[in-house]
């Protein structure tokens, strides 16, 4: 080994050790951060479980719990309705009926023969509202759940006007460039282990995630079959509804984190500007997982709409 090669090897080893040390420091910090889940697994409240049938043979799993004004909760890609469990419990306590939805291919829901697309996700929500006879509801969607919610309100506008009191869109986007989606699909590992903690913490959360939140996110992603994760990602390629958002008539609240790297602020601003009756709440230092990071703000937005007097359509 030449002197230069030896020095290079020593330098790389030192850099690797420093990187590993930095990772361990981050993990220690995150372990000490406040945990909204109190160290427990993410779960959705117990309730009545029902499966909604779609024309292409998909079955959409729903759980209904509590009583009072209705709130429908729709999760993002690679997770399931348990991601909304913390807020669902709070809403039940404050006197609401909550309906959790597992999107096709996630949780206990099954992908149909038509596979995956934003249009199908919107159609699935229409089937949920019709078959469960849901009316006067606030529809809250996080990330891909927000995409599904907006698509539902656009594609099924007459139904949405009849059944929706308002929309809460949490850390979502009006469009997904094809290249960005392709890179996301390639980056999805088949087996998600704790070795991805640091990457997940830095990309999915804001300034102060708890280690338990990160681990629960990874666990839910790992429970979603790898094939379903890939077809869901492929199905979202080229999603773009920005020029159709003006047709949404419901009062809408958009919540976005200033440190969100998954669905950046610019897209959320575009949504709030395009929907006629929308307002934007910017959450400083928060990342993509606002349902946990800023549960108070998300809950507050939902409860504001559930108590507001709906506008005449």
C-alpha atoms as a PDB file:
ATOM      1  CA  UNK A   1       0.000   0.000   0.000  1.00  0.00           C
ATOM      2  CA  UNK A   2       1.401   3.373  -0.995  1.00  0.00           C
ATOM      3  CA  UNK A   3       1.620   6.252   1.455  1.00  0.00           C
ATOM      4  CA  UNK A   4      -1.133   8.100  -0.410  1.00  0.00           C
ATOM      5  CA  UNK A   5      -3.413   5.051  -0.412  1.00  0.00           C
ATOM      6  CA  UNK A   6      -2.785   4.517   3.298  1.00  0.00           C
ATOM      7  CA  UNK A   7      -3.616   8.138   4.090  1.00  0.00           C
ATOM      8  CA  UNK A   8      -6.794   7.922   1.987  1.00  0.00           C
ATOM      9  CA  UNK A   9      -7.892   4.752   3.767  1.00  0.00           C
ATOM     10  CA  UNK A  10      -7.221   6.281   7.166  1.00  0.00           C
ATOM     11  CA  UNK A  11      -9.139   9.404   6.145  1.00  0.00           C
ATOM     12  CA  UNK A  12     -12.148   7.396   4.968  1.00  0.00           C
ATOM     13  CA  UNK A  13     -12.119   5.309   8.123  1.00  0.00           C
ATOM     14  CA  UNK A  14     -12.004   8.460  10.224  1.00  0.00           C
ATOM     15  CA  UNK A  15     -14.868  10.007   8.272  1.00  0.00           C
ATOM     16  CA  UNK A  16     -16.913   6.834   8.675  1.00  0.00           C
ATOM     17  CA  UNK A  17     -16.283   6.780  12.419  1.00  0.00           C
ATOM     18  CA  UNK A  18     -17.251  10.440  12.713  1.00  0.00           C
ATOM     19  CA  UNK A  19     -20.431   9.790  10.739  1.00  0.00           C
ATOM     20  CA  UNK A  20     -21.295   6.824  12.915  1.00  0.00           C
ATOM     21  CA  UNK A  21     -20.619   8.893  16.016  1.00  0.00           C
ATOM     22  CA  UNK A  22     -22.879  11.652  14.695  1.00  0.00           C
ATOM     23  CA  UNK A  23     -25.636   9.117  14.086  1.00  0.00           C
ATOM     24  CA  UNK A  24     -25.360   7.783  17.619  1.00  0.00           C
ATOM     25  CA  UNK A  25     -25.537  11.317  19.011  1.00  0.00           C
ATOM     26  CA  UNK A  26     -28.691  11.972  16.998  1.00  0.00           C
ATOM     27  CA  UNK A  27     -30.282   8.734  18.207  1.00  0.00           C
ATOM     28  CA  UNK A  28     -29.506   9.619  21.825  1.00  0.00           C
ATOM     29  CA  UNK A  29     -31.022  13.063  21.361  1.00  0.00           C
ATOM     30  CA  UNK A  30     -34.149  11.652  19.704  1.00  0.00           C
ATOM     31  CA  UNK A  31     -34.489   9.037  22.426  1.00  0.00           C
ATOM     32  CA  UNK A  32     -34.679  11.842  24.998  1.00  0.00           C
ATOM     33  CA  UNK A  33     -37.138  14.004  23.049  1.00  0.00           C
ATOM     34  CA  UNK A  34     -40.770  14.151  24.257  1.00  0.00           C
ATOM     35  CA  UNK A  35     -42.836  11.380  22.700  1.00  0.00           C
ATOM     36  CA  UNK A  36     -46.522  12.106  21.968  1.00  0.00           C
ATOM     37  CA  UNK A  37     -47.116   8.344  21.779  1.00  0.00           C
ATOM     38  CA  UNK A  38     -45.689   7.884  25.295  1.00  0.00           C
ATOM     39  CA  UNK A  39     -43.453   5.067  24.124  1.00  0.00           C
ATOM     40  CA  UNK A  40     -46.404   2.973  22.912  1.00  0.00           C
ATOM     41  CA  UNK A  41     -47.144   1.515  19.478  1.00  0.00           C
ATOM     42  CA  UNK A  42     -49.363   3.532  17.162  1.00  0.00           C
ATOM     43  CA  UNK A  43     -52.894   2.073  17.183  1.00  0.00           C
ATOM     44  CA  UNK A  44     -56.320   3.173  16.003  1.00  0.00           C
ATOM     45  CA  UNK A  45     -59.109   3.130  18.598  1.00  0.00           C
ATOM     46  CA  UNK A  46     -61.310   0.036  18.785  1.00  0.00           C
ATOM     47  CA  UNK A  47     -64.593   0.359  16.932  1.00  0.00           C
ATOM     48  CA  UNK A  48     -66.870  -1.117  14.308  1.00  0.00           C
ATOM     49  CA  UNK A  49     -64.830  -2.624  11.464  1.00  0.00           C
ATOM     50  CA  UNK A  50     -66.363  -2.622   7.987  1.00  0.00           C
ATOM     51  CA  UNK A  51     -65.070  -3.353   4.502  1.00  0.00           C
ATOM     52  CA  UNK A  52     -66.172  -1.260   1.531  1.00  0.00           C
ATOM     53  CA  UNK A  53     -66.274  -2.928  -1.887  1.00  0.00           C
ATOM     54  CA  UNK A  54     -65.065  -1.132  -5.026  1.00  0.00           C
ATOM     55  CA  UNK A  55     -65.904  -1.881  -8.687  1.00  0.00           C
ATOM     56  CA  UNK A  56     -62.435  -3.321  -9.376  1.00  0.00           C
ATOM     57  CA  UNK A  57     -62.579  -5.764  -6.450  1.00  0.00           C
ATOM     58  CA  UNK A  58     -60.557  -3.786  -3.923  1.00  0.00           C
ATOM     59  CA  UNK A  59     -61.772  -3.873  -0.333  1.00  0.00           C
ATOM     60  CA  UNK A  60     -61.306  -0.754   1.751  1.00  0.00           C
ATOM     61  CA  UNK A  61     -61.093  -1.351   5.493  1.00  0.00           C
ATOM     62  CA  UNK A  62     -62.711   1.202   7.804  1.00  0.00           C
ATOM     63  CA  UNK A  63     -63.117   1.515  11.573  1.00  0.00           C
ATOM     64  CA  UNK A  64     -65.776   3.720  13.186  1.00  0.00           C
ATOM     65  CA  UNK A  65     -65.496   4.751  16.834  1.00  0.00           C
ATOM     66  CA  UNK A  66     -66.972   7.378  19.155  1.00  0.00           C
ATOM     67  CA  UNK A  67     -70.030   9.568  18.753  1.00  0.00           C
ATOM     68  CA  UNK A  68     -70.708  13.160  17.768  1.00  0.00           C
ATOM     69  CA  UNK A  69     -69.711  15.205  14.687  1.00  0.00           C
ATOM     70  CA  UNK A  70     -68.067  12.944  12.099  1.00  0.00           C
ATOM     71  CA  UNK A  71     -64.424  13.101  11.074  1.00  0.00           C
ATOM     72  CA  UNK A  72     -62.970  10.837   8.349  1.00  0.00           C
ATOM     73  CA  UNK A  73     -59.210  10.262   8.640  1.00  0.00           C
ATOM     74  CA  UNK A  74     -57.097   9.193   5.644  1.00  0.00           C
ATOM     75  CA  UNK A  75     -53.412   8.246   6.001  1.00  0.00           C
ATOM     76  CA  UNK A  76     -50.380   8.597   3.749  1.00  0.00           C
ATOM     77  CA  UNK A  77     -48.281   6.175   1.717  1.00  0.00           C
ATOM     78  CA  UNK A  78     -46.681   3.110   3.391  1.00  0.00           C
ATOM     79  CA  UNK A  79     -48.556   3.566   6.694  1.00  0.00           C
ATOM     80  CA  UNK A  80     -52.161   2.831   7.750  1.00  0.00           C
ATOM     81  CA  UNK A  81     -54.998   4.290   9.799  1.00  0.00           C
ATOM     82  CA  UNK A  82     -53.004   3.708  13.010  1.00  0.00           C
ATOM     83  CA  UNK A  83     -50.943   6.736  11.993  1.00  0.00           C
ATOM     84  CA  UNK A  84     -54.035   8.815  12.842  1.00  0.00           C
ATOM     85  CA  UNK A  85     -54.631   6.935  16.121  1.00  0.00           C
ATOM     86  CA  UNK A  86     -53.298   9.634  18.445  1.00  0.00           C
ATOM     87  CA  UNK A  87     -55.593  12.295  17.008  1.00  0.00           C
ATOM     88  CA  UNK A  88     -58.500   9.850  16.698  1.00  0.00           C
ATOM     89  CA  UNK A  89     -58.318   9.150  20.449  1.00  0.00           C
ATOM     90  CA  UNK A  90     -58.265  12.881  21.196  1.00  0.00           C
ATOM     91  CA  UNK A  91     -61.231  13.544  18.908  1.00  0.00           C
ATOM     92  CA  UNK A  92     -63.278  10.784  20.530  1.00  0.00           C
ATOM     93  CA  UNK A  93     -62.508  12.263  23.942  1.00  0.00           C
ATOM     94  CA  UNK A  94     -63.641  15.702  22.755  1.00  0.00           C
ATOM     95  CA  UNK A  95     -66.965  14.283  21.505  1.00  0.00           C
ATOM     96  CA  UNK A  96     -66.460  13.199  17.876  1.00  0.00           C
ATOM     97  CA  UNK A  97     -67.214  10.141  15.791  1.00  0.00           C
ATOM     98  CA  UNK A  98     -64.070   9.145  13.901  1.00  0.00           C
ATOM     99  CA  UNK A  99     -63.841   6.913  10.841  1.00  0.00           C
ATOM    100  CA  UNK A 100     -60.406   5.585   9.968  1.00  0.00           C
ATOM    101  CA  UNK A 101     -59.703   4.470   6.402  1.00  0.00           C
ATOM    102  CA  UNK A 102     -56.968   2.083   5.271  1.00  0.00           C
ATOM    103  CA  UNK A 103     -56.191   3.100   1.696  1.00  0.00           C
ATOM    104  CA  UNK A 104     -56.015   0.295  -0.850  1.00  0.00           C
ATOM    105  CA  UNK A 105     -52.956  -1.901  -0.388  1.00  0.00           C
ATOM    106  CA  UNK A 106     -52.358  -0.562   3.126  1.00  0.00           C
ATOM    107  CA  UNK A 107     -53.386  -1.890   6.519  1.00  0.00           C
ATOM    108  CA  UNK A 108     -56.209  -4.401   6.025  1.00  0.00           C
ATOM    109  CA  UNK A 109     -57.280  -3.041   2.625  1.00  0.00           C
ATOM    110  CA  UNK A 110     -56.696  -4.998  -0.571  1.00  0.00           C
ATOM    111  CA  UNK A 111     -55.560  -3.689  -3.963  1.00  0.00           C
ATOM    112  CA  UNK A 112     -58.087  -4.326  -6.745  1.00  0.00           C
ATOM    113  CA  UNK A 113     -57.565  -5.294 -10.383  1.00  0.00           C
ATOM    114  CA  UNK A 114     -57.240  -1.638 -11.451  1.00  0.00           C
ATOM    115  CA  UNK A 115     -54.143  -1.394  -9.221  1.00  0.00           C
ATOM    116  CA  UNK A 116     -53.317   2.168  -8.129  1.00  0.00           C
ATOM    117  CA  UNK A 117     -53.830   5.777  -9.187  1.00  0.00           C
ATOM    118  CA  UNK A 118     -54.824   9.089  -7.561  1.00  0.00           C
ATOM    119  CA  UNK A 119     -58.162   8.830  -9.368  1.00  0.00           C
ATOM    120  CA  UNK A 120     -58.815   5.415  -7.829  1.00  0.00           C
ATOM    121  CA  UNK A 121     -57.977   6.733  -4.359  1.00  0.00           C
ATOM    122  CA  UNK A 122     -60.563   9.476  -4.828  1.00  0.00           C
ATOM    123  CA  UNK A 123     -63.097   6.931  -6.089  1.00  0.00           C
ATOM    124  CA  UNK A 124     -62.375   4.712  -3.071  1.00  0.00           C
ATOM    125  CA  UNK A 125     -63.270   7.570  -0.741  1.00  0.00           C
ATOM    126  CA  UNK A 126     -66.488   8.160  -2.678  1.00  0.00           C
ATOM    127  CA  UNK A 127     -67.364   4.482  -2.131  1.00  0.00           C
ATOM    128  CA  UNK A 128     -66.590   4.821   1.591  1.00  0.00           C
ATOM    129  CA  UNK A 129     -68.873   7.855   1.961  1.00  0.00           C
ATOM    130  CA  UNK A 130     -71.681   6.237  -0.014  1.00  0.00           C
ATOM    131  CA  UNK A 131     -71.586   2.739   1.478  1.00  0.00           C
ATOM    132  CA  UNK A 132     -71.173   3.946   5.060  1.00  0.00           C
ATOM    133  CA  UNK A 133     -73.785   6.681   4.479  1.00  0.00           C
ATOM    134  CA  UNK A 134     -71.481   9.399   5.862  1.00  0.00           C
ATOM    135  CA  UNK A 135     -72.795  12.975   5.870  1.00  0.00           C
ATOM    136  CA  UNK A 136     -71.827  16.348   7.349  1.00  0.00           C
ATOM    137  CA  UNK A 137     -68.234  15.210   7.870  1.00  0.00           C
ATOM    138  CA  UNK A 138     -64.821  16.786   8.066  1.00  0.00           C
ATOM    139  CA  UNK A 139     -62.428  14.906   5.789  1.00  0.00           C
ATOM    140  CA  UNK A 140     -58.808  15.018   6.956  1.00  0.00           C
ATOM    141  CA  UNK A 141     -56.005  13.611   4.799  1.00  0.00           C
ATOM    142  CA  UNK A 142     -52.280  13.435   5.438  1.00  0.00           C
ATOM    143  CA  UNK A 143     -49.787  13.340   2.547  1.00  0.00           C
ATOM    144  CA  UNK A 144     -51.161  10.771   0.048  1.00  0.00           C
ATOM    145  CA  UNK A 145     -54.365  10.922   2.091  1.00  0.00           C
ATOM    146  CA  UNK A 146     -54.555  14.623   1.263  1.00  0.00           C
ATOM    147  CA  UNK A 147     -54.057  13.809  -2.413  1.00  0.00           C
ATOM    148  CA  UNK A 148     -56.895  11.277  -2.222  1.00  0.00           C
ATOM    149  CA  UNK A 149     -59.122  13.774  -0.390  1.00  0.00           C
ATOM    150  CA  UNK A 150     -58.592  16.526  -2.951  1.00  0.00           C
ATOM    151  CA  UNK A 151     -59.128  14.092  -5.823  1.00  0.00           C
ATOM    152  CA  UNK A 152     -62.381  12.920  -4.228  1.00  0.00           C
ATOM    153  CA  UNK A 153     -63.622  16.501  -3.840  1.00  0.00           C
ATOM    154  CA  UNK A 154     -62.785  17.227  -7.505  1.00  0.00           C
ATOM    155  CA  UNK A 155     -63.936  13.993  -9.196  1.00  0.00           C
ATOM    156  CA  UNK A 156     -67.071  13.570  -7.067  1.00  0.00           C
ATOM    157  CA  UNK A 157     -67.944  17.209  -6.560  1.00  0.00           C
ATOM    158  CA  UNK A 158     -71.711  16.730  -6.253  1.00  0.00           C
ATOM    159  CA  UNK A 159     -71.302  14.014  -3.618  1.00  0.00           C
ATOM    160  CA  UNK A 160     -68.619  16.040  -1.811  1.00  0.00           C
ATOM    161  CA  UNK A 161     -70.912  19.066  -1.596  1.00  0.00           C
ATOM    162  CA  UNK A 162     -73.591  16.917   0.010  1.00  0.00           C
ATOM    163  CA  UNK A 163     -71.435  15.066   2.529  1.00  0.00           C
ATOM    164  CA  UNK A 164     -68.484  17.305   3.439  1.00  0.00           C
ATOM    165  CA  UNK A 165     -68.463  20.041   6.040  1.00  0.00           C
ATOM    166  CA  UNK A 166     -64.829  20.844   5.315  1.00  0.00           C
ATOM    167  CA  UNK A 167     -61.365  19.579   4.383  1.00  0.00           C
ATOM    168  CA  UNK A 168     -58.192  19.441   6.463  1.00  0.00           C
ATOM    169  CA  UNK A 169     -55.142  18.836   4.279  1.00  0.00           C
ATOM    170  CA  UNK A 170     -52.026  17.929   6.231  1.00  0.00           C
ATOM    171  CA  UNK A 171     -48.547  18.029   4.667  1.00  0.00           C
ATOM    172  CA  UNK A 172     -49.644  17.167   1.148  1.00  0.00           C
ATOM    173  CA  UNK A 173     -49.043  18.263  -2.441  1.00  0.00           C
ATOM    174  CA  UNK A 174     -50.986  19.199  -5.603  1.00  0.00           C
ATOM    175  CA  UNK A 175     -48.463  17.544  -7.912  1.00  0.00           C
ATOM    176  CA  UNK A 176     -45.679  14.970  -8.004  1.00  0.00           C
ATOM    177  CA  UNK A 177     -43.061  15.315 -10.747  1.00  0.00           C
ATOM    178  CA  UNK A 178     -42.482  11.980 -12.461  1.00  0.00           C
ATOM    179  CA  UNK A 179     -38.701  11.969 -11.881  1.00  0.00           C
ATOM    180  CA  UNK A 180     -39.064  12.706  -8.178  1.00  0.00           C
ATOM    181  CA  UNK A 181     -41.549   9.858  -7.822  1.00  0.00           C
ATOM    182  CA  UNK A 182     -39.270   7.463  -9.739  1.00  0.00           C
ATOM    183  CA  UNK A 183     -36.368   8.291  -7.416  1.00  0.00           C
ATOM    184  CA  UNK A 184     -38.625   7.699  -4.425  1.00  0.00           C
ATOM    185  CA  UNK A 185     -39.617   4.260  -5.737  1.00  0.00           C
ATOM    186  CA  UNK A 186     -35.986   3.254  -6.292  1.00  0.00           C
ATOM    187  CA  UNK A 187     -35.064   4.375  -2.772  1.00  0.00           C
ATOM    188  CA  UNK A 188     -37.727   2.228  -1.075  1.00  0.00           C
ATOM    189  CA  UNK A 189     -35.952  -0.746   0.565  1.00  0.00           C
ATOM    190  CA  UNK A 190     -37.602  -4.153   0.697  1.00  0.00           C
ATOM    191  CA  UNK A 191     -36.784  -4.817   4.346  1.00  0.00           C
ATOM    192  CA  UNK A 192     -37.050  -1.753   6.561  1.00  0.00           C
ATOM    193  CA  UNK A 193     -35.004  -2.119   9.738  1.00  0.00           C
ATOM    194  CA  UNK A 194     -33.718   0.162  12.485  1.00  0.00           C
ATOM    195  CA  UNK A 195     -30.679   0.905  10.322  1.00  0.00           C
ATOM    196  CA  UNK A 196     -32.937   3.398   8.518  1.00  0.00           C
ATOM    197  CA  UNK A 197     -33.726   5.320  11.704  1.00  0.00           C
ATOM    198  CA  UNK A 198     -31.412   8.239  11.000  1.00  0.00           C
ATOM    199  CA  UNK A 199     -32.501   8.637   7.382  1.00  0.00           C
ATOM    200  CA  UNK A 200     -36.172   8.477   8.353  1.00  0.00           C
ATOM    201  CA  UNK A 201     -35.673  10.910  11.210  1.00  0.00           C
ATOM    202  CA  UNK A 202     -33.887  13.475   9.043  1.00  0.00           C
ATOM    203  CA  UNK A 203     -36.207  13.279   6.027  1.00  0.00           C
ATOM    204  CA  UNK A 204     -39.633  12.624   7.557  1.00  0.00           C
ATOM    205  CA  UNK A 205     -39.561  14.694  10.737  1.00  0.00           C
ATOM    206  CA  UNK A 206     -38.715  18.206  11.799  1.00  0.00           C
ATOM    207  CA  UNK A 207     -36.464  19.517  14.542  1.00  0.00           C
ATOM    208  CA  UNK A 208     -37.477  17.324  17.490  1.00  0.00           C
ATOM    209  CA  UNK A 209     -38.724  13.836  16.612  1.00  0.00           C
ATOM    210  CA  UNK A 210     -38.920  11.131  19.242  1.00  0.00           C
ATOM    211  CA  UNK A 211     -37.181   7.847  18.509  1.00  0.00           C
ATOM    212  CA  UNK A 212     -40.445   5.997  19.125  1.00  0.00           C
ATOM    213  CA  UNK A 213     -42.207   8.055  16.437  1.00  0.00           C
ATOM    214  CA  UNK A 214     -39.457   7.156  13.983  1.00  0.00           C
ATOM    215  CA  UNK A 215     -39.565   3.466  14.902  1.00  0.00           C
ATOM    216  CA  UNK A 216     -43.352   3.338  14.588  1.00  0.00           C
ATOM    217  CA  UNK A 217     -43.171   4.949  11.142  1.00  0.00           C
ATOM    218  CA  UNK A 218     -40.626   2.347  10.040  1.00  0.00           C
ATOM    219  CA  UNK A 219     -42.684  -0.492  11.543  1.00  0.00           C
ATOM    220  CA  UNK A 220     -45.844   0.540   9.691  1.00  0.00           C
ATOM    221  CA  UNK A 221     -43.912   0.872   6.441  1.00  0.00           C
ATOM    222  CA  UNK A 222     -42.411  -2.574   6.921  1.00  0.00           C
ATOM    223  CA  UNK A 223     -45.881  -4.028   7.543  1.00  0.00           C
ATOM    224  CA  UNK A 224     -47.051  -2.673   4.177  1.00  0.00           C
ATOM    225  CA  UNK A 225     -46.125  -5.341   1.595  1.00  0.00           C
ATOM    226  CA  UNK A 226     -43.156  -4.338  -0.529  1.00  0.00           C
ATOM    227  CA  UNK A 227     -45.114  -4.947  -3.754  1.00  0.00           C
ATOM    228  CA  UNK A 228     -47.882  -2.628  -2.538  1.00  0.00           C
ATOM    229  CA  UNK A 229     -45.396   0.073  -1.621  1.00  0.00           C
ATOM    230  CA  UNK A 230     -43.942  -0.040  -5.109  1.00  0.00           C
ATOM    231  CA  UNK A 231     -47.246  -0.033  -6.997  1.00  0.00           C
ATOM    232  CA  UNK A 232     -48.528   2.796  -4.811  1.00  0.00           C
ATOM    233  CA  UNK A 233     -45.432   4.849  -5.651  1.00  0.00           C
ATOM    234  CA  UNK A 234     -45.728   4.028  -9.350  1.00  0.00           C
ATOM    235  CA  UNK A 235     -49.426   4.848  -9.294  1.00  0.00           C
ATOM    236  CA  UNK A 236     -48.745   8.392  -8.087  1.00  0.00           C
ATOM    237  CA  UNK A 237     -46.304   9.230 -10.901  1.00  0.00           C
ATOM    238  CA  UNK A 238     -47.243  12.408 -12.691  1.00  0.00           C
ATOM    239  CA  UNK A 239     -49.990  13.365 -10.222  1.00  0.00           C
ATOM    240  CA  UNK A 240     -51.036  16.959 -10.952  1.00  0.00           C
ATOM    241  CA  UNK A 241     -54.353  18.548  -9.953  1.00  0.00           C
ATOM    242  CA  UNK A 242     -53.229  22.111  -9.301  1.00  0.00           C
ATOM    243  CA  UNK A 243     -55.313  23.519 -12.160  1.00  0.00           C
ATOM    244  CA  UNK A 244     -58.440  21.752 -10.827  1.00  0.00           C
ATOM    245  CA  UNK A 245     -58.279  22.887  -7.203  1.00  0.00           C
ATOM    246  CA  UNK A 246     -60.436  25.925  -7.908  1.00  0.00           C
ATOM    247  CA  UNK A 247     -63.470  23.639  -8.170  1.00  0.00           C
ATOM    248  CA  UNK A 248     -63.257  22.638  -4.488  1.00  0.00           C
ATOM    249  CA  UNK A 249     -65.967  24.580  -2.643  1.00  0.00           C
ATOM    250  CA  UNK A 250     -65.552  23.285   0.913  1.00  0.00           C
ATOM    251  CA  UNK A 251     -63.862  25.348   3.602  1.00  0.00           C
ATOM    252  CA  UNK A 252     -60.321  24.007   3.721  1.00  0.00           C
ATOM    253  CA  UNK A 253     -57.464  24.272   6.178  1.00  0.00           C
ATOM    254  CA  UNK A 254     -53.968  23.400   4.923  1.00  0.00           C
ATOM    255  CA  UNK A 255     -51.257  22.622   7.483  1.00  0.00           C
ATOM    256  CA  UNK A 256     -47.608  22.487   6.458  1.00  0.00           C
ATOM    257  CA  UNK A 257     -44.263  22.226   8.235  1.00  0.00           C
ATOM    258  CA  UNK A 258     -41.462  24.604   7.364  1.00  0.00           C
ATOM    259  CA  UNK A 259     -38.978  21.684   7.468  1.00  0.00           C
ATOM    260  CA  UNK A 260     -41.041  19.234   5.423  1.00  0.00           C
ATOM    261  CA  UNK A 261     -38.740  17.608   2.843  1.00  0.00           C
ATOM    262  CA  UNK A 262     -41.365  15.158   1.548  1.00  0.00           C
ATOM    263  CA  UNK A 263     -44.162  17.567   0.590  1.00  0.00           C
ATOM    264  CA  UNK A 264     -42.443  20.954   0.764  1.00  0.00           C
ATOM    265  CA  UNK A 265     -44.100  24.197   1.793  1.00  0.00           C
ATOM    266  CA  UNK A 266     -44.385  25.525  -1.776  1.00  0.00           C
ATOM    267  CA  UNK A 267     -46.890  22.845  -2.750  1.00  0.00           C
ATOM    268  CA  UNK A 268     -49.019  23.471   0.317  1.00  0.00           C
ATOM    269  CA  UNK A 269     -48.982  27.207  -0.377  1.00  0.00           C
ATOM    270  CA  UNK A 270     -50.131  26.482  -3.939  1.00  0.00           C
ATOM    271  CA  UNK A 271     -53.054  24.423  -2.602  1.00  0.00           C
ATOM    272  CA  UNK A 272     -54.148  27.150  -0.192  1.00  0.00           C
ATOM    273  CA  UNK A 273     -53.947  29.772  -2.929  1.00  0.00           C
ATOM    274  CA  UNK A 274     -55.862  27.686  -5.489  1.00  0.00           C
ATOM    275  CA  UNK A 275     -58.806  26.548  -3.334  1.00  0.00           C
ATOM    276  CA  UNK A 276     -61.191  29.524  -3.035  1.00  0.00           C
ATOM    277  CA  UNK A 277     -62.151  29.032   0.617  1.00  0.00           C
ATOM    278  CA  UNK A 278     -58.807  27.832   2.030  1.00  0.00           C
ATOM    279  CA  UNK A 279     -56.426  29.022   4.713  1.00  0.00           C
ATOM    280  CA  UNK A 280     -52.836  27.993   5.390  1.00  0.00           C
ATOM    281  CA  UNK A 281     -51.237  27.268   8.757  1.00  0.00           C
ATOM    282  CA  UNK A 282     -47.424  27.240   8.646  1.00  0.00           C
ATOM    283  CA  UNK A 283     -45.860  25.232  11.459  1.00  0.00           C
ATOM    284  CA  UNK A 284     -42.319  26.356  12.210  1.00  0.00           C
ATOM    285  CA  UNK A 285     -39.568  23.727  12.578  1.00  0.00           C
ATOM    286  CA  UNK A 286     -42.042  20.886  11.862  1.00  0.00           C
ATOM    287  CA  UNK A 287     -41.488  18.202   9.257  1.00  0.00           C
ATOM    288  CA  UNK A 288     -43.770  15.866   7.328  1.00  0.00           C
ATOM    289  CA  UNK A 289     -45.319  13.854  10.170  1.00  0.00           C
ATOM    290  CA  UNK A 290     -47.479  16.664  11.521  1.00  0.00           C
ATOM    291  CA  UNK A 291     -50.076  14.201  12.836  1.00  0.00           C
ATOM    292  CA  UNK A 292     -47.599  13.371  15.604  1.00  0.00           C
ATOM    293  CA  UNK A 293     -45.237  16.336  15.613  1.00  0.00           C
ATOM    294  CA  UNK A 294     -47.983  18.960  15.867  1.00  0.00           C
ATOM    295  CA  UNK A 295     -51.003  16.957  16.979  1.00  0.00           C
ATOM    296  CA  UNK A 296     -52.491  19.956  18.827  1.00  0.00           C
ATOM    297  CA  UNK A 297     -52.549  22.054  15.650  1.00  0.00           C
ATOM    298  CA  UNK A 298     -54.007  19.276  13.497  1.00  0.00           C
ATOM    299  CA  UNK A 299     -56.665  18.475  16.094  1.00  0.00           C
ATOM    300  CA  UNK A 300     -57.485  22.170  16.433  1.00  0.00           C
ATOM    301  CA  UNK A 301     -57.996  22.571  12.685  1.00  0.00           C
ATOM    302  CA  UNK A 302     -60.328  19.557  12.555  1.00  0.00           C
ATOM    303  CA  UNK A 303     -62.349  20.717  15.546  1.00  0.00           C
ATOM    304  CA  UNK A 304     -62.635  24.222  14.115  1.00  0.00           C
ATOM    305  CA  UNK A 305     -64.273  22.868  10.953  1.00  0.00           C
ATOM    306  CA  UNK A 306     -66.417  20.329  12.784  1.00  0.00           C
ATOM    307  CA  UNK A 307     -67.956  23.134  14.854  1.00  0.00           C
ATOM    308  CA  UNK A 308     -68.177  25.765  12.127  1.00  0.00           C
ATOM    309  CA  UNK A 309     -71.466  26.581  10.436  1.00  0.00           C
ATOM    310  CA  UNK A 310     -71.096  25.146   6.902  1.00  0.00           C
ATOM    311  CA  UNK A 311     -71.401  27.524   3.997  1.00  0.00           C
ATOM    312  CA  UNK A 312     -74.366  27.127   1.673  1.00  0.00           C
ATOM    313  CA  UNK A 313     -73.207  25.277  -1.454  1.00  0.00           C
END
